[in-house]
Amino acid sequence: MSINVVAVDDHDVALVGIRCVLEESDECNLVGGFPNVDSLTEFLRAPDAPPVDLVLLDLRLGDESDPYMNVVRLRQCGLKVLVFSAMESPFFMRRALLADVNGMVQKSVDSAELIGAIKIAAADDTYATSDWASLIDSDPLAEAIDLTERQQEILVLYASGMTADSVARATGLKAPTVQDHLNRIRRKYVDAGRAAVTKVELYRRAQQDGYIRGPLDH
């Protein structure tokens, strides 16, 4: 039985290449290519949409969407997700690792490896290469501080340049409450041996833990 695949990639050349590879396989069938997750989900909502077994997802898309949220949305649609990307951005790779992906494949692999990865991921197994294993072993997120969703939100806003008062207005919280959250965040980092007393230090920790982008991730 053929595996129905869709690709989310905003480069036409990449979509053409994926189609050519899958057309040479008797086991895989590309049923659509989309520039972003929004267009794919709209396609899936159509009454005559074909069944989809797997999504090939590029990490860096033109709409600057978060890989983590893209994977979450696709998983909520009941889809298996295999990252197919150049993987030049550690930030995007870390974000995807936080989500429930079925593996990562570099765009430089040959056709046979891509087909093999698709078959493994479509069976809801995990396709893990040595490169991916190395990333997991060395990933700073392995030591990331456990923050609540509210603390993550406040950290991102504050570390991105907003004042505590501005964060309070943006979140609908009172200024003392925001300051209390910031103090708790700082204490968690300090207790873990990762100084985060100043705003600059908090900014660096937010980058290291994948909450905000680094200078090369734009």
N, C-alpha and C. Protein backbone atom coordinates (compact mmCIF):
# COMPACT_ATOMS: atom_id res chain seq x y z
N MET A 1 0.83 -1.19 0.00
CA MET A 1 0.00 0.00 0.00
C MET A 1 0.88 1.25 0.00
N SER A 2 0.56 2.21 -0.87
CA SER A 2 1.37 3.40 -1.00
C SER A 2 1.20 4.33 0.20
N ILE A 3 2.29 5.01 0.57
CA ILE A 3 2.28 5.97 1.66
C ILE A 3 1.98 7.35 1.08
N ASN A 4 0.89 7.96 1.50
CA ASN A 4 0.54 9.29 1.02
C ASN A 4 1.30 10.35 1.81
N VAL A 5 2.09 11.14 1.08
CA VAL A 5 2.98 12.13 1.70
C VAL A 5 2.59 13.53 1.23
N VAL A 6 2.65 14.50 2.14
CA VAL A 6 2.58 15.91 1.76
C VAL A 6 3.86 16.57 2.22
N ALA A 7 4.28 17.62 1.52
CA ALA A 7 5.49 18.35 1.87
C ALA A 7 5.15 19.79 2.20
N VAL A 8 5.73 20.30 3.28
CA VAL A 8 5.58 21.71 3.62
C VAL A 8 6.96 22.36 3.46
N ASP A 9 7.09 23.11 2.38
CA ASP A 9 8.37 23.74 2.02
C ASP A 9 8.06 24.91 1.11
N ASP A 10 8.63 26.07 1.40
CA ASP A 10 8.30 27.25 0.59
C ASP A 10 9.26 27.47 -0.57
N HIS A 11 10.05 26.46 -0.91
CA HIS A 11 10.93 26.54 -2.07
C HIS A 11 10.41 25.61 -3.16
N ASP A 12 10.04 26.18 -4.29
CA ASP A 12 9.48 25.38 -5.38
C ASP A 12 10.44 24.30 -5.85
N VAL A 13 11.73 24.64 -5.89
CA VAL A 13 12.73 23.67 -6.36
C VAL A 13 12.75 22.46 -5.43
N ALA A 14 12.65 22.70 -4.14
CA ALA A 14 12.64 21.59 -3.18
C ALA A 14 11.43 20.71 -3.38
N LEU A 15 10.26 21.32 -3.62
CA LEU A 15 9.04 20.55 -3.84
C LEU A 15 9.14 19.71 -5.11
N VAL A 16 9.73 20.30 -6.14
CA VAL A 16 9.91 19.55 -7.40
C VAL A 16 10.83 18.36 -7.16
N GLY A 17 11.89 18.58 -6.40
CA GLY A 17 12.82 17.50 -6.11
C GLY A 17 12.17 16.38 -5.32
N ILE A 18 11.37 16.74 -4.33
CA ILE A 18 10.67 15.73 -3.54
C ILE A 18 9.72 14.93 -4.41
N ARG A 19 9.00 15.63 -5.28
CA ARG A 19 8.07 14.94 -6.17
C ARG A 19 8.79 13.94 -7.08
N CYS A 20 9.93 14.36 -7.63
CA CYS A 20 10.70 13.48 -8.51
C CYS A 20 11.18 12.23 -7.77
N VAL A 21 11.64 12.42 -6.53
CA VAL A 21 12.12 11.29 -5.75
C VAL A 21 10.99 10.31 -5.46
N LEU A 22 9.85 10.83 -5.05
CA LEU A 22 8.75 9.95 -4.67
C LEU A 22 8.11 9.29 -5.88
N GLU A 23 8.15 9.95 -7.03
CA GLU A 23 7.58 9.35 -8.24
C GLU A 23 8.35 8.11 -8.68
N GLU A 24 9.63 8.06 -8.28
CA GLU A 24 10.47 6.91 -8.63
C GLU A 24 10.26 5.74 -7.67
N SER A 25 9.47 5.99 -6.63
CA SER A 25 9.23 4.94 -5.64
C SER A 25 7.85 4.35 -5.82
N ASP A 26 7.75 3.03 -5.66
CA ASP A 26 6.45 2.36 -5.71
C ASP A 26 5.76 2.40 -4.35
N GLU A 27 6.45 2.94 -3.34
CA GLU A 27 5.94 2.87 -1.97
C GLU A 27 5.43 4.21 -1.45
N CYS A 28 5.74 5.30 -2.13
CA CYS A 28 5.37 6.63 -1.64
C CYS A 28 4.69 7.43 -2.74
N ASN A 29 3.79 8.29 -2.32
CA ASN A 29 3.05 9.12 -3.27
C ASN A 29 2.90 10.52 -2.70
N LEU A 30 3.38 11.54 -3.43
CA LEU A 30 3.24 12.92 -2.98
C LEU A 30 1.87 13.44 -3.42
N VAL A 31 1.03 13.74 -2.45
CA VAL A 31 -0.33 14.20 -2.78
C VAL A 31 -0.47 15.70 -2.70
N GLY A 32 0.59 16.41 -2.30
CA GLY A 32 0.52 17.86 -2.27
C GLY A 32 1.76 18.50 -1.70
N GLY A 33 2.04 19.72 -2.15
CA GLY A 33 3.14 20.52 -1.62
C GLY A 33 2.62 21.88 -1.21
N PHE A 34 3.03 22.37 -0.04
CA PHE A 34 2.46 23.60 0.52
C PHE A 34 3.56 24.48 1.10
N PRO A 35 3.39 25.81 1.00
CA PRO A 35 4.43 26.72 1.50
C PRO A 35 4.42 26.90 3.01
N ASN A 36 3.32 26.51 3.65
CA ASN A 36 3.23 26.68 5.11
C ASN A 36 2.16 25.73 5.66
N VAL A 37 2.11 25.65 6.97
CA VAL A 37 1.17 24.75 7.63
C VAL A 37 -0.27 25.24 7.47
N ASP A 38 -0.46 26.55 7.42
CA ASP A 38 -1.81 27.09 7.23
C ASP A 38 -2.45 26.56 5.95
N SER A 39 -1.70 26.61 4.85
CA SER A 39 -2.26 26.15 3.57
C SER A 39 -2.50 24.65 3.57
N LEU A 40 -1.65 23.91 4.27
CA LEU A 40 -1.86 22.46 4.36
C LEU A 40 -3.13 22.15 5.16
N THR A 41 -3.31 22.80 6.30
CA THR A 41 -4.49 22.50 7.10
C THR A 41 -5.77 22.89 6.37
N GLU A 42 -5.71 23.95 5.58
CA GLU A 42 -6.87 24.34 4.76
C GLU A 42 -7.17 23.25 3.73
N PHE A 43 -6.12 22.70 3.12
CA PHE A 43 -6.27 21.60 2.16
C PHE A 43 -6.90 20.38 2.83
N LEU A 44 -6.47 20.08 4.05
CA LEU A 44 -6.96 18.90 4.75
C LEU A 44 -8.43 19.02 5.14
N ARG A 45 -8.91 20.26 5.29
CA ARG A 45 -10.30 20.46 5.67
C ARG A 45 -11.28 20.27 4.52
N ALA A 46 -10.76 20.22 3.30
CA ALA A 46 -11.64 20.05 2.14
C ALA A 46 -12.31 18.68 2.18
N PRO A 47 -13.58 18.59 1.84
CA PRO A 47 -14.31 17.30 1.91
C PRO A 47 -13.72 16.22 1.01
N ASP A 48 -13.06 16.62 -0.08
CA ASP A 48 -12.49 15.64 -0.99
C ASP A 48 -10.99 15.47 -0.82
N ALA A 49 -10.46 15.92 0.33
CA ALA A 49 -9.02 15.80 0.57
C ALA A 49 -8.63 14.33 0.70
N PRO A 50 -7.53 13.93 0.06
CA PRO A 50 -7.10 12.53 0.16
C PRO A 50 -6.53 12.23 1.55
N PRO A 51 -6.49 10.99 1.94
CA PRO A 51 -5.87 10.64 3.23
C PRO A 51 -4.37 10.94 3.18
N VAL A 52 -3.82 11.39 4.30
CA VAL A 52 -2.40 11.73 4.38
C VAL A 52 -1.77 10.92 5.51
N ASP A 53 -0.65 10.26 5.20
CA ASP A 53 0.03 9.45 6.20
C ASP A 53 1.18 10.17 6.88
N LEU A 54 1.82 11.08 6.15
CA LEU A 54 3.06 11.67 6.66
C LEU A 54 3.28 13.06 6.07
N VAL A 55 3.86 13.95 6.89
CA VAL A 55 4.24 15.28 6.42
C VAL A 55 5.76 15.40 6.44
N LEU A 56 6.33 15.83 5.31
CA LEU A 56 7.73 16.23 5.26
C LEU A 56 7.77 17.72 5.55
N LEU A 57 8.38 18.12 6.66
CA LEU A 57 8.32 19.50 7.12
C LEU A 57 9.69 20.17 7.10
N ASP A 58 9.80 21.29 6.38
CA ASP A 58 11.01 22.10 6.43
C ASP A 58 10.97 22.93 7.71
N LEU A 59 12.12 23.16 8.32
CA LEU A 59 12.16 23.90 9.58
C LEU A 59 12.03 25.40 9.38
N ARG A 60 12.69 25.93 8.36
CA ARG A 60 12.71 27.37 8.14
C ARG A 60 11.76 27.71 7.00
N LEU A 61 10.62 28.33 7.32
CA LEU A 61 9.63 28.68 6.32
C LEU A 61 9.52 30.19 6.18
N GLY A 62 9.02 30.63 5.04
CA GLY A 62 8.95 32.05 4.75
C GLY A 62 8.03 32.83 5.66
N ASP A 63 7.07 32.17 6.28
CA ASP A 63 6.17 32.88 7.20
C ASP A 63 6.76 33.02 8.60
N GLU A 64 8.02 32.55 8.77
CA GLU A 64 8.74 32.65 10.04
C GLU A 64 8.00 31.96 11.19
N SER A 65 7.26 30.93 10.86
CA SER A 65 6.52 30.18 11.89
C SER A 65 7.48 29.36 12.75
N ASP A 66 7.04 29.08 13.95
CA ASP A 66 7.82 28.32 14.93
C ASP A 66 7.73 26.83 14.61
N PRO A 67 8.85 26.16 14.40
CA PRO A 67 8.81 24.71 14.12
C PRO A 67 8.07 23.92 15.18
N TYR A 68 8.22 24.31 16.42
CA TYR A 68 7.52 23.60 17.50
C TYR A 68 6.01 23.67 17.30
N MET A 69 5.50 24.86 17.07
CA MET A 69 4.06 25.02 16.90
C MET A 69 3.59 24.35 15.61
N ASN A 70 4.42 24.36 14.58
CA ASN A 70 4.03 23.68 13.34
C ASN A 70 3.84 22.19 13.57
N VAL A 71 4.76 21.59 14.30
CA VAL A 71 4.66 20.16 14.59
C VAL A 71 3.44 19.88 15.46
N VAL A 72 3.23 20.72 16.46
CA VAL A 72 2.07 20.54 17.34
C VAL A 72 0.78 20.59 16.53
N ARG A 73 0.66 21.55 15.64
CA ARG A 73 -0.55 21.68 14.83
C ARG A 73 -0.75 20.45 13.92
N LEU A 74 0.33 19.98 13.34
CA LEU A 74 0.22 18.81 12.45
C LEU A 74 -0.14 17.56 13.25
N ARG A 75 0.43 17.43 14.43
CA ARG A 75 0.10 16.30 15.28
C ARG A 75 -1.37 16.33 15.70
N GLN A 76 -1.87 17.53 15.93
CA GLN A 76 -3.28 17.66 16.30
C GLN A 76 -4.20 17.24 15.16
N CYS A 77 -3.68 17.27 13.94
CA CYS A 77 -4.44 16.79 12.78
C CYS A 77 -4.30 15.28 12.60
N GLY A 78 -3.57 14.64 13.51
CA GLY A 78 -3.38 13.20 13.44
C GLY A 78 -2.32 12.76 12.47
N LEU A 79 -1.38 13.66 12.14
CA LEU A 79 -0.37 13.36 11.12
C LEU A 79 0.97 13.02 11.76
N LYS A 80 1.70 12.15 11.10
CA LYS A 80 3.08 11.87 11.48
C LYS A 80 3.97 12.91 10.79
N VAL A 81 5.05 13.30 11.44
CA VAL A 81 5.87 14.41 10.94
C VAL A 81 7.33 13.99 10.88
N LEU A 82 7.91 14.14 9.69
CA LEU A 82 9.33 13.89 9.48
C LEU A 82 9.96 15.20 9.02
N VAL A 83 10.88 15.73 9.80
CA VAL A 83 11.57 16.96 9.41
C VAL A 83 12.49 16.67 8.24
N PHE A 84 12.39 17.49 7.19
CA PHE A 84 13.25 17.37 6.01
C PHE A 84 13.80 18.76 5.74
N SER A 85 15.04 19.00 6.17
CA SER A 85 15.55 20.36 6.22
C SER A 85 17.06 20.38 6.04
N ALA A 86 17.57 21.57 5.69
CA ALA A 86 19.03 21.75 5.62
C ALA A 86 19.65 21.73 7.01
N MET A 87 18.84 21.99 8.02
CA MET A 87 19.26 21.94 9.43
C MET A 87 20.46 22.83 9.72
N GLU A 88 20.43 24.03 9.15
CA GLU A 88 21.54 24.95 9.40
C GLU A 88 21.34 25.79 10.65
N SER A 89 20.14 25.69 11.25
CA SER A 89 19.85 26.52 12.42
C SER A 89 19.67 25.66 13.67
N PRO A 90 20.61 25.75 14.62
CA PRO A 90 20.46 25.00 15.87
C PRO A 90 19.18 25.37 16.61
N PHE A 91 18.79 26.65 16.53
CA PHE A 91 17.57 27.09 17.22
C PHE A 91 16.35 26.34 16.68
N PHE A 92 16.20 26.30 15.37
CA PHE A 92 15.04 25.63 14.78
C PHE A 92 15.09 24.13 15.07
N MET A 93 16.28 23.55 15.06
CA MET A 93 16.39 22.12 15.37
C MET A 93 16.00 21.85 16.81
N ARG A 94 16.42 22.71 17.71
CA ARG A 94 16.05 22.53 19.12
C ARG A 94 14.55 22.67 19.30
N ARG A 95 13.95 23.62 18.60
CA ARG A 95 12.51 23.81 18.71
C ARG A 95 11.77 22.56 18.23
N ALA A 96 12.23 21.98 17.13
CA ALA A 96 11.58 20.78 16.61
C ALA A 96 11.77 19.60 17.56
N LEU A 97 12.92 19.55 18.21
CA LEU A 97 13.18 18.46 19.14
C LEU A 97 12.24 18.49 20.34
N LEU A 98 11.73 19.68 20.65
CA LEU A 98 10.79 19.79 21.76
C LEU A 98 9.44 19.19 21.41
N ALA A 99 9.16 19.08 20.12
CA ALA A 99 7.88 18.54 19.66
C ALA A 99 8.02 17.05 19.35
N ASP A 100 6.91 16.45 19.04
CA ASP A 100 6.86 15.00 18.85
C ASP A 100 7.08 14.62 17.39
N VAL A 101 8.29 14.86 16.88
CA VAL A 101 8.57 14.51 15.49
C VAL A 101 8.99 13.05 15.39
N ASN A 102 8.83 12.50 14.19
CA ASN A 102 9.23 11.11 13.94
C ASN A 102 10.65 11.00 13.40
N GLY A 103 11.39 12.10 13.47
CA GLY A 103 12.77 12.07 13.02
C GLY A 103 13.14 13.30 12.21
N MET A 104 14.43 13.39 11.88
CA MET A 104 14.95 14.49 11.07
C MET A 104 15.84 13.94 9.98
N VAL A 105 15.67 14.49 8.77
CA VAL A 105 16.48 14.07 7.62
C VAL A 105 17.05 15.30 6.96
N GLN A 106 18.34 15.31 6.70
CA GLN A 106 18.95 16.43 5.99
C GLN A 106 18.61 16.36 4.51
N LYS A 107 18.50 17.53 3.89
CA LYS A 107 18.16 17.58 2.47
C LYS A 107 19.29 17.06 1.58
N SER A 108 20.45 16.85 2.16
CA SER A 108 21.58 16.36 1.38
C SER A 108 21.60 14.83 1.23
N VAL A 109 20.65 14.11 1.85
CA VAL A 109 20.65 12.65 1.77
C VAL A 109 20.27 12.19 0.37
N ASP A 110 20.59 10.94 0.05
CA ASP A 110 20.21 10.42 -1.25
C ASP A 110 18.76 9.92 -1.22
N SER A 111 18.25 9.58 -2.39
CA SER A 111 16.84 9.20 -2.53
C SER A 111 16.49 7.98 -1.68
N ALA A 112 17.38 7.00 -1.67
CA ALA A 112 17.11 5.77 -0.94
C ALA A 112 16.95 6.03 0.55
N GLU A 113 17.79 6.91 1.10
CA GLU A 113 17.70 7.20 2.53
C GLU A 113 16.41 7.95 2.85
N LEU A 114 16.02 8.87 1.98
CA LEU A 114 14.78 9.61 2.21
C LEU A 114 13.58 8.66 2.19
N ILE A 115 13.53 7.78 1.21
CA ILE A 115 12.43 6.83 1.14
C ILE A 115 12.41 5.94 2.37
N GLY A 116 13.59 5.49 2.79
CA GLY A 116 13.68 4.64 3.98
C GLY A 116 13.19 5.36 5.22
N ALA A 117 13.55 6.64 5.34
CA ALA A 117 13.11 7.43 6.49
C ALA A 117 11.60 7.62 6.49
N ILE A 118 11.04 7.85 5.32
CA ILE A 118 9.59 8.02 5.20
C ILE A 118 8.87 6.75 5.63
N LYS A 119 9.35 5.60 5.21
CA LYS A 119 8.72 4.33 5.56
C LYS A 119 8.76 4.10 7.08
N ILE A 120 9.90 4.43 7.69
CA ILE A 120 10.02 4.25 9.14
C ILE A 120 9.08 5.20 9.88
N ALA A 121 9.07 6.47 9.48
CA ALA A 121 8.23 7.46 10.15
C ALA A 121 6.75 7.19 9.93
N ALA A 122 6.39 6.73 8.73
CA ALA A 122 4.99 6.45 8.43
C ALA A 122 4.46 5.31 9.28
N ALA A 123 5.35 4.43 9.73
CA ALA A 123 4.96 3.33 10.63
C ALA A 123 4.90 3.80 12.08
N ASP A 124 5.05 5.11 12.28
CA ASP A 124 5.03 5.75 13.60
C ASP A 124 6.21 5.33 14.45
N ASP A 125 7.30 4.95 13.79
CA ASP A 125 8.56 4.72 14.48
C ASP A 125 9.41 5.99 14.36
N THR A 126 10.57 5.99 14.98
CA THR A 126 11.44 7.16 14.95
C THR A 126 12.65 6.90 14.08
N TYR A 127 12.85 7.78 13.10
CA TYR A 127 14.04 7.69 12.25
C TYR A 127 15.10 8.57 12.89
N ALA A 128 16.13 7.96 13.47
CA ALA A 128 17.17 8.69 14.18
C ALA A 128 18.53 8.41 13.55
N THR A 129 19.16 9.44 13.03
CA THR A 129 20.50 9.31 12.46
C THR A 129 21.53 9.62 13.53
N SER A 130 22.80 9.37 13.21
CA SER A 130 23.87 9.69 14.16
C SER A 130 23.95 11.19 14.39
N ASP A 131 23.65 11.99 13.34
CA ASP A 131 23.68 13.45 13.49
C ASP A 131 22.62 13.90 14.49
N TRP A 132 21.44 13.29 14.39
CA TRP A 132 20.36 13.67 15.30
C TRP A 132 20.70 13.23 16.72
N ALA A 133 21.23 12.03 16.86
CA ALA A 133 21.61 11.55 18.19
C ALA A 133 22.66 12.45 18.82
N SER A 134 23.60 12.91 17.99
CA SER A 134 24.64 13.81 18.49
C SER A 134 24.04 15.13 18.95
N LEU A 135 23.05 15.63 18.20
CA LEU A 135 22.39 16.87 18.59
C LEU A 135 21.68 16.70 19.92
N ILE A 136 20.97 15.59 20.09
CA ILE A 136 20.25 15.35 21.34
C ILE A 136 21.23 15.27 22.51
N ASP A 137 22.36 14.57 22.30
CA ASP A 137 23.33 14.41 23.38
C ASP A 137 23.95 15.73 23.79
N SER A 138 24.14 16.64 22.80
CA SER A 138 24.80 17.90 23.10
C SER A 138 23.83 19.06 23.24
N ASP A 139 22.56 18.78 23.14
CA ASP A 139 21.55 19.84 23.12
C ASP A 139 21.47 20.58 24.45
N PRO A 140 21.64 21.91 24.43
CA PRO A 140 21.50 22.68 25.67
C PRO A 140 20.14 22.52 26.32
N LEU A 141 19.12 22.17 25.54
CA LEU A 141 17.79 22.02 26.12
C LEU A 141 17.73 20.85 27.09
N ALA A 142 18.70 19.95 26.99
CA ALA A 142 18.71 18.83 27.94
C ALA A 142 18.87 19.34 29.37
N GLU A 143 19.46 20.55 29.52
CA GLU A 143 19.65 21.14 30.84
C GLU A 143 18.78 22.38 31.02
N ALA A 144 17.79 22.53 30.15
CA ALA A 144 16.93 23.72 30.23
C ALA A 144 16.16 23.74 31.54
N ILE A 145 15.94 24.93 32.05
CA ILE A 145 15.20 25.11 33.28
C ILE A 145 13.73 24.84 33.03
N ASP A 146 13.10 24.15 33.97
CA ASP A 146 11.67 23.84 33.85
C ASP A 146 10.86 25.06 34.27
N LEU A 147 10.27 25.75 33.29
CA LEU A 147 9.46 26.93 33.56
C LEU A 147 8.00 26.64 33.24
N THR A 148 7.11 27.26 33.98
CA THR A 148 5.69 27.14 33.66
C THR A 148 5.41 27.89 32.36
N GLU A 149 4.25 27.65 31.76
CA GLU A 149 3.90 28.35 30.53
C GLU A 149 3.87 29.86 30.75
N ARG A 150 3.34 30.29 31.89
CA ARG A 150 3.30 31.73 32.19
C ARG A 150 4.71 32.29 32.34
N GLN A 151 5.58 31.55 33.00
CA GLN A 151 6.95 32.01 33.16
C GLN A 151 7.68 32.07 31.82
N GLN A 152 7.42 31.10 30.95
CA GLN A 152 8.01 31.13 29.62
C GLN A 152 7.56 32.37 28.86
N GLU A 153 6.26 32.67 28.93
CA GLU A 153 5.71 33.84 28.25
C GLU A 153 6.37 35.12 28.75
N ILE A 154 6.48 35.25 30.06
CA ILE A 154 7.07 36.45 30.64
C ILE A 154 8.55 36.55 30.30
N LEU A 155 9.26 35.44 30.34
CA LEU A 155 10.68 35.45 30.00
C LEU A 155 10.90 35.90 28.57
N VAL A 156 10.13 35.36 27.64
CA VAL A 156 10.28 35.73 26.24
C VAL A 156 10.04 37.22 26.03
N LEU A 157 8.97 37.75 26.61
CA LEU A 157 8.65 39.17 26.45
C LEU A 157 9.72 40.06 27.09
N TYR A 158 10.10 39.72 28.31
CA TYR A 158 11.07 40.54 29.04
C TYR A 158 12.45 40.46 28.41
N ALA A 159 12.89 39.24 28.06
CA ALA A 159 14.21 39.07 27.47
C ALA A 159 14.30 39.69 26.08
N SER A 160 13.14 39.83 25.42
CA SER A 160 13.14 40.40 24.07
C SER A 160 13.18 41.93 24.09
N GLY A 161 13.18 42.54 25.28
CA GLY A 161 13.38 43.98 25.36
C GLY A 161 12.30 44.76 26.08
N MET A 162 11.20 44.13 26.43
CA MET A 162 10.13 44.84 27.12
C MET A 162 10.48 45.08 28.58
N THR A 163 9.95 46.16 29.13
CA THR A 163 10.10 46.41 30.57
C THR A 163 9.10 45.54 31.33
N ALA A 164 9.30 45.44 32.62
CA ALA A 164 8.37 44.66 33.44
C ALA A 164 6.96 45.25 33.38
N ASP A 165 6.87 46.59 33.35
CA ASP A 165 5.56 47.23 33.25
C ASP A 165 4.90 46.92 31.90
N SER A 166 5.70 46.91 30.83
CA SER A 166 5.16 46.60 29.51
C SER A 166 4.69 45.14 29.44
N VAL A 167 5.45 44.26 30.07
CA VAL A 167 5.05 42.84 30.13
C VAL A 167 3.72 42.71 30.87
N ALA A 168 3.58 43.47 31.94
CA ALA A 168 2.34 43.42 32.71
C ALA A 168 1.15 43.85 31.84
N ARG A 169 1.32 44.91 31.09
CA ARG A 169 0.23 45.37 30.21
C ARG A 169 -0.07 44.35 29.12
N ALA A 170 0.98 43.73 28.57
CA ALA A 170 0.79 42.78 27.48
C ALA A 170 0.12 41.50 27.94
N THR A 171 0.35 41.11 29.18
CA THR A 171 -0.19 39.84 29.69
C THR A 171 -1.44 40.02 30.53
N GLY A 172 -1.77 41.27 30.86
CA GLY A 172 -2.95 41.51 31.70
C GLY A 172 -2.70 41.25 33.17
N LEU A 173 -1.42 41.12 33.53
CA LEU A 173 -1.07 40.89 34.94
C LEU A 173 -0.71 42.21 35.61
N LYS A 174 -0.67 42.20 36.92
CA LYS A 174 -0.21 43.36 37.65
C LYS A 174 1.32 43.37 37.67
N ALA A 175 1.89 44.57 37.71
CA ALA A 175 3.35 44.71 37.67
C ALA A 175 4.05 43.91 38.78
N PRO A 176 3.55 43.94 40.03
CA PRO A 176 4.21 43.13 41.08
C PRO A 176 4.18 41.63 40.78
N THR A 177 3.11 41.18 40.13
CA THR A 177 3.02 39.76 39.78
C THR A 177 4.07 39.39 38.75
N VAL A 178 4.25 40.27 37.76
CA VAL A 178 5.29 40.03 36.75
C VAL A 178 6.65 40.01 37.40
N GLN A 179 6.90 40.95 38.30
CA GLN A 179 8.20 41.00 38.97
C GLN A 179 8.42 39.75 39.82
N ASP A 180 7.36 39.23 40.43
CA ASP A 180 7.47 38.00 41.21
C ASP A 180 7.85 36.82 40.32
N HIS A 181 7.22 36.75 39.12
CA HIS A 181 7.57 35.70 38.17
C HIS A 181 9.04 35.81 37.74
N LEU A 182 9.48 37.03 37.46
CA LEU A 182 10.88 37.23 37.05
C LEU A 182 11.84 36.81 38.15
N ASN A 183 11.49 37.12 39.39
CA ASN A 183 12.35 36.71 40.52
C ASN A 183 12.41 35.19 40.63
N ARG A 184 11.27 34.53 40.40
CA ARG A 184 11.23 33.07 40.47
C ARG A 184 12.07 32.46 39.33
N ILE A 185 11.98 33.07 38.14
CA ILE A 185 12.76 32.59 37.00
C ILE A 185 14.25 32.72 37.30
N ARG A 186 14.65 33.89 37.78
CA ARG A 186 16.06 34.11 38.11
C ARG A 186 16.53 33.10 39.16
N ARG A 187 15.69 32.84 40.16
CA ARG A 187 16.07 31.92 41.24
C ARG A 187 16.27 30.50 40.69
N LYS A 188 15.42 30.10 39.76
CA LYS A 188 15.56 28.76 39.18
C LYS A 188 16.89 28.64 38.43
N TYR A 189 17.26 29.68 37.69
CA TYR A 189 18.52 29.63 36.96
C TYR A 189 19.72 29.65 37.92
N VAL A 190 19.65 30.49 38.91
CA VAL A 190 20.74 30.56 39.88
C VAL A 190 20.90 29.23 40.61
N ASP A 191 19.78 28.63 41.00
CA ASP A 191 19.84 27.34 41.70
C ASP A 191 20.44 26.25 40.81
N ALA A 192 20.31 26.41 39.51
CA ALA A 192 20.87 25.43 38.57
C ALA A 192 22.31 25.75 38.20
N GLY A 193 22.87 26.80 38.82
CA GLY A 193 24.25 27.16 38.54
C GLY A 193 24.42 27.93 37.26
N ARG A 194 23.33 28.56 36.78
CA ARG A 194 23.37 29.34 35.54
C ARG A 194 22.91 30.76 35.87
N ALA A 195 23.88 31.62 36.15
CA ALA A 195 23.56 32.97 36.60
C ALA A 195 22.63 33.69 35.62
N ALA A 196 21.60 34.32 36.18
CA ALA A 196 20.63 35.06 35.36
C ALA A 196 20.10 36.23 36.17
N VAL A 197 21.02 36.99 36.74
CA VAL A 197 20.63 38.10 37.60
C VAL A 197 20.24 39.32 36.77
N THR A 198 21.06 39.65 35.77
CA THR A 198 20.80 40.82 34.94
C THR A 198 19.89 40.47 33.78
N LYS A 199 19.37 41.50 33.12
CA LYS A 199 18.50 41.29 31.96
C LYS A 199 19.29 40.68 30.81
N VAL A 200 20.54 41.06 30.67
CA VAL A 200 21.38 40.50 29.62
C VAL A 200 21.58 39.00 29.84
N GLU A 201 21.80 38.61 31.09
CA GLU A 201 21.97 37.18 31.40
C GLU A 201 20.68 36.41 31.13
N LEU A 202 19.54 37.01 31.46
CA LEU A 202 18.26 36.36 31.16
C LEU A 202 18.08 36.19 29.65
N TYR A 203 18.49 37.19 28.90
CA TYR A 203 18.41 37.13 27.44
C TYR A 203 19.24 35.95 26.91
N ARG A 204 20.43 35.80 27.43
CA ARG A 204 21.31 34.70 26.99
C ARG A 204 20.71 33.35 27.38
N ARG A 205 20.15 33.24 28.57
CA ARG A 205 19.55 31.97 28.99
C ARG A 205 18.34 31.64 28.11
N ALA A 206 17.55 32.65 27.77
CA ALA A 206 16.39 32.42 26.91
C ALA A 206 16.82 31.93 25.54
N GLN A 207 17.93 32.44 25.03
CA GLN A 207 18.47 31.95 23.76
C GLN A 207 18.95 30.50 23.90
N GLN A 208 19.71 30.24 24.94
CA GLN A 208 20.27 28.91 25.15
C GLN A 208 19.19 27.85 25.30
N ASP A 209 18.09 28.22 25.92
CA ASP A 209 17.02 27.25 26.19
C ASP A 209 15.96 27.23 25.09
N GLY A 210 16.22 27.92 24.00
CA GLY A 210 15.34 27.83 22.84
C GLY A 210 14.06 28.61 22.92
N TYR A 211 13.99 29.59 23.85
CA TYR A 211 12.77 30.39 23.98
C TYR A 211 12.74 31.55 22.98
N ILE A 212 13.91 32.08 22.65
CA ILE A 212 14.00 33.14 21.65
C ILE A 212 15.12 32.81 20.68
N ARG A 213 15.10 33.45 19.54
CA ARG A 213 16.09 33.16 18.50
C ARG A 213 17.44 33.80 18.81
N GLY A 214 18.48 33.14 18.33
CA GLY A 214 19.82 33.69 18.43
C GLY A 214 20.09 34.61 17.26
N PRO A 215 21.27 35.23 17.21
CA PRO A 215 21.59 36.19 16.15
C PRO A 215 21.63 35.59 14.75
N LEU A 216 21.86 34.29 14.64
CA LEU A 216 21.94 33.64 13.32
C LEU A 216 20.65 32.95 12.92
N ASP A 217 19.61 33.10 13.71
CA ASP A 217 18.38 32.36 13.48
C ASP A 217 17.26 33.21 12.89
N HIS A 218 17.61 34.33 12.26
CA HIS A 218 16.60 35.20 11.66
C HIS A 218 16.65 35.10 10.14
